[in-house]
């Protein structure tokens, strides 16, 4: 089933309290156990997109699955960002997800909502 997942930046050196102004909103097929539904992926892959919001700026793109695993492909830019262990992470409120962003830094995000 398609879900909207909101991720907010977890505590880090730059943001000791985390930040609700930095994160992602993703549209993904999610199973009842909170994992990405790889079986449903072919049906939903063209509807699986995301918005990265970062201090007032937004960027959009598509979520892909390939040799690198689950990635975030921005419109018109390279490289893709990689969802660390995307096949095993649970996208459930309160869980944490790491993403290796385009600048090469892996940042941790907290799942703040799933609808």
C-alpha atoms as a PDB file:
ATOM      1  CA  UNK A   1       0.000   0.000   0.000  1.00  0.00           C
ATOM      2  CA  UNK A   2       1.294   3.457  -0.860  1.00  0.00           C
ATOM      3  CA  UNK A   3       2.216   5.559   2.145  1.00  0.00           C
ATOM      4  CA  UNK A   4       3.528   9.066   2.709  1.00  0.00           C
ATOM      5  CA  UNK A   5       6.560   8.921   4.989  1.00  0.00           C
ATOM      6  CA  UNK A   6       8.022  12.050   6.571  1.00  0.00           C
ATOM      7  CA  UNK A   7      11.645  12.026   7.733  1.00  0.00           C
ATOM      8  CA  UNK A   8      13.194  14.802   9.818  1.00  0.00           C
ATOM      9  CA  UNK A   9      16.891  15.291  10.498  1.00  0.00           C
ATOM     10  CA  UNK A  10      17.912  13.545  13.720  1.00  0.00           C
ATOM     11  CA  UNK A  11      20.336  15.011  16.231  1.00  0.00           C
ATOM     12  CA  UNK A  12      23.758  15.672  14.757  1.00  0.00           C
ATOM     13  CA  UNK A  13      26.734  17.992  15.172  1.00  0.00           C
ATOM     14  CA  UNK A  14      25.127  20.779  13.104  1.00  0.00           C
ATOM     15  CA  UNK A  15      21.712  20.383  14.748  1.00  0.00           C
ATOM     16  CA  UNK A  16      22.082  19.069  18.333  1.00  0.00           C
ATOM     17  CA  UNK A  17      18.290  18.949  18.742  1.00  0.00           C
ATOM     18  CA  UNK A  18      17.624  17.668  15.230  1.00  0.00           C
ATOM     19  CA  UNK A  19      15.600  19.750  12.786  1.00  0.00           C
ATOM     20  CA  UNK A  20      12.015  19.657  11.560  1.00  0.00           C
ATOM     21  CA  UNK A  21      13.078  22.064   8.776  1.00  0.00           C
ATOM     22  CA  UNK A  22      15.434  19.517   7.193  1.00  0.00           C
ATOM     23  CA  UNK A  23      14.251  16.208   5.823  1.00  0.00           C
ATOM     24  CA  UNK A  24      12.275  14.291   3.240  1.00  0.00           C
ATOM     25  CA  UNK A  25       8.700  13.443   2.422  1.00  0.00           C
ATOM     26  CA  UNK A  26       8.487  10.196   0.450  1.00  0.00           C
ATOM     27  CA  UNK A  27       5.709   8.286  -1.273  1.00  0.00           C
ATOM     28  CA  UNK A  28       6.491   4.569  -1.078  1.00  0.00           C
ATOM     29  CA  UNK A  29       4.755   1.193  -1.118  1.00  0.00           C
ATOM     30  CA  UNK A  30       5.121   0.091   2.508  1.00  0.00           C
ATOM     31  CA  UNK A  31       4.171  -3.313   3.951  1.00  0.00           C
ATOM     32  CA  UNK A  32       2.393  -3.750   7.285  1.00  0.00           C
ATOM     33  CA  UNK A  33       5.770  -4.426   8.966  1.00  0.00           C
ATOM     34  CA  UNK A  34       7.023  -0.999   7.808  1.00  0.00           C
ATOM     35  CA  UNK A  35       9.451  -2.233   5.155  1.00  0.00           C
ATOM     36  CA  UNK A  36       9.416  -1.147   1.526  1.00  0.00           C
ATOM     37  CA  UNK A  37       7.211  -3.565  -0.415  1.00  0.00           C
ATOM     38  CA  UNK A  38       9.544  -4.880  -3.113  1.00  0.00           C
ATOM     39  CA  UNK A  39       6.780  -7.140  -4.491  1.00  0.00           C
ATOM     40  CA  UNK A  40       4.476  -4.135  -5.068  1.00  0.00           C
ATOM     41  CA  UNK A  41       7.292  -1.965  -6.449  1.00  0.00           C
ATOM     42  CA  UNK A  42       6.597  -2.625 -10.164  1.00  0.00           C
ATOM     43  CA  UNK A  43       3.005  -1.447  -9.714  1.00  0.00           C
ATOM     44  CA  UNK A  44       3.926   1.731  -7.822  1.00  0.00           C
ATOM     45  CA  UNK A  45       7.395   2.712  -9.080  1.00  0.00           C
ATOM     46  CA  UNK A  46       6.109   5.583 -11.225  1.00  0.00           C
ATOM     47  CA  UNK A  47       4.220   7.005  -8.236  1.00  0.00           C
ATOM     48  CA  UNK A  48       7.160   6.689  -5.825  1.00  0.00           C
ATOM     49  CA  UNK A  49       8.614  10.141  -5.482  1.00  0.00           C
ATOM     50  CA  UNK A  50      10.031  12.399  -2.806  1.00  0.00           C
ATOM     51  CA  UNK A  51      10.566  15.984  -1.767  1.00  0.00           C
ATOM     52  CA  UNK A  52      13.738  17.001   0.071  1.00  0.00           C
ATOM     53  CA  UNK A  53      13.118  20.073   2.197  1.00  0.00           C
ATOM     54  CA  UNK A  54      16.200  21.810   3.522  1.00  0.00           C
ATOM     55  CA  UNK A  55      15.866  25.082   5.418  1.00  0.00           C
ATOM     56  CA  UNK A  56      13.211  26.586   3.168  1.00  0.00           C
ATOM     57  CA  UNK A  57      14.404  25.071  -0.111  1.00  0.00           C
ATOM     58  CA  UNK A  58      12.791  22.094  -1.831  1.00  0.00           C
ATOM     59  CA  UNK A  59      14.030  19.591  -4.393  1.00  0.00           C
ATOM     60  CA  UNK A  60      12.018  16.774  -5.959  1.00  0.00           C
ATOM     61  CA  UNK A  61      12.801  13.443  -7.532  1.00  0.00           C
ATOM     62  CA  UNK A  62      11.970   9.771  -7.956  1.00  0.00           C
ATOM     63  CA  UNK A  63      12.708   6.810  -5.735  1.00  0.00           C
ATOM     64  CA  UNK A  64      14.478   4.009  -7.576  1.00  0.00           C
ATOM     65  CA  UNK A  65      15.594   0.466  -6.887  1.00  0.00           C
ATOM     66  CA  UNK A  66      18.689  -0.905  -8.569  1.00  0.00           C
ATOM     67  CA  UNK A  67      22.236  -2.192  -8.010  1.00  0.00           C
ATOM     68  CA  UNK A  68      22.863   0.384  -5.245  1.00  0.00           C
ATOM     69  CA  UNK A  69      19.616  -0.587  -3.503  1.00  0.00           C
ATOM     70  CA  UNK A  70      16.958   2.067  -2.845  1.00  0.00           C
ATOM     71  CA  UNK A  71      18.055   5.474  -4.085  1.00  0.00           C
ATOM     72  CA  UNK A  72      16.726   9.005  -4.367  1.00  0.00           C
ATOM     73  CA  UNK A  73      17.231  10.404  -7.869  1.00  0.00           C
ATOM     74  CA  UNK A  74      16.845  14.164  -8.096  1.00  0.00           C
ATOM     75  CA  UNK A  75      15.443  15.766 -11.225  1.00  0.00           C
ATOM     76  CA  UNK A  76      18.339  16.821 -13.470  1.00  0.00           C
ATOM     77  CA  UNK A  77      21.218  16.098 -11.061  1.00  0.00           C
ATOM     78  CA  UNK A  78      23.713  13.373 -10.210  1.00  0.00           C
ATOM     79  CA  UNK A  79      24.627  11.457  -8.154  1.00  0.00           C
ATOM     80  CA  UNK A  80      21.740   9.678  -6.489  1.00  0.00           C
ATOM     81  CA  UNK A  81      21.393   9.512  -2.727  1.00  0.00           C
ATOM     82  CA  UNK A  82      21.359   6.047  -1.173  1.00  0.00           C
ATOM     83  CA  UNK A  83      18.978   4.896   1.564  1.00  0.00           C
ATOM     84  CA  UNK A  84      21.290   2.851   3.802  1.00  0.00           C
ATOM     85  CA  UNK A  85      19.926  -0.696   4.121  1.00  0.00           C
ATOM     86  CA  UNK A  86      16.704   0.415   2.435  1.00  0.00           C
ATOM     87  CA  UNK A  87      15.569  -3.191   2.049  1.00  0.00           C
ATOM     88  CA  UNK A  88      15.685  -3.825   5.810  1.00  0.00           C
ATOM     89  CA  UNK A  89      14.769  -0.480   7.396  1.00  0.00           C
ATOM     90  CA  UNK A  90      11.333  -0.116   8.916  1.00  0.00           C
ATOM     91  CA  UNK A  91       9.584   3.065   7.865  1.00  0.00           C
ATOM     92  CA  UNK A  92       7.488   3.418  11.016  1.00  0.00           C
ATOM     93  CA  UNK A  93       7.017   6.432  13.280  1.00  0.00           C
ATOM     94  CA  UNK A  94       9.920   6.712  15.726  1.00  0.00           C
ATOM     95  CA  UNK A  95      12.336   4.594  13.652  1.00  0.00           C
ATOM     96  CA  UNK A  96      15.560   5.988  12.190  1.00  0.00           C
ATOM     97  CA  UNK A  97      16.743   5.883   8.564  1.00  0.00           C
ATOM     98  CA  UNK A  98      20.183   6.835   7.237  1.00  0.00           C
ATOM     99  CA  UNK A  99      20.720   8.385   3.824  1.00  0.00           C
ATOM    100  CA  UNK A 100      24.071   8.942   2.124  1.00  0.00           C
ATOM    101  CA  UNK A 101      23.447  12.322   0.562  1.00  0.00           C
ATOM    102  CA  UNK A 102      24.993  13.820  -2.576  1.00  0.00           C
ATOM    103  CA  UNK A 103      27.717  15.572  -0.574  1.00  0.00           C
ATOM    104  CA  UNK A 104      28.960  12.136   0.547  1.00  0.00           C
ATOM    105  CA  UNK A 105      27.780  12.576   4.141  1.00  0.00           C
ATOM    106  CA  UNK A 106      25.519   9.942   5.670  1.00  0.00           C
ATOM    107  CA  UNK A 107      22.851  11.633   7.775  1.00  0.00           C
ATOM    108  CA  UNK A 108      20.334  10.041  10.077  1.00  0.00           C
ATOM    109  CA  UNK A 109      16.648  10.951   9.926  1.00  0.00           C
ATOM    110  CA  UNK A 110      13.785  10.085  12.250  1.00  0.00           C
ATOM    111  CA  UNK A 111      10.493   8.884  10.809  1.00  0.00           C
ATOM    112  CA  UNK A 112       8.008  11.403  12.204  1.00  0.00           C
ATOM    113  CA  UNK A 113       4.860  10.234  10.397  1.00  0.00           C
ATOM    114  CA  UNK A 114       3.495   7.549   8.076  1.00  0.00           C
ATOM    115  CA  UNK A 115       0.126   8.070   6.391  1.00  0.00           C
END
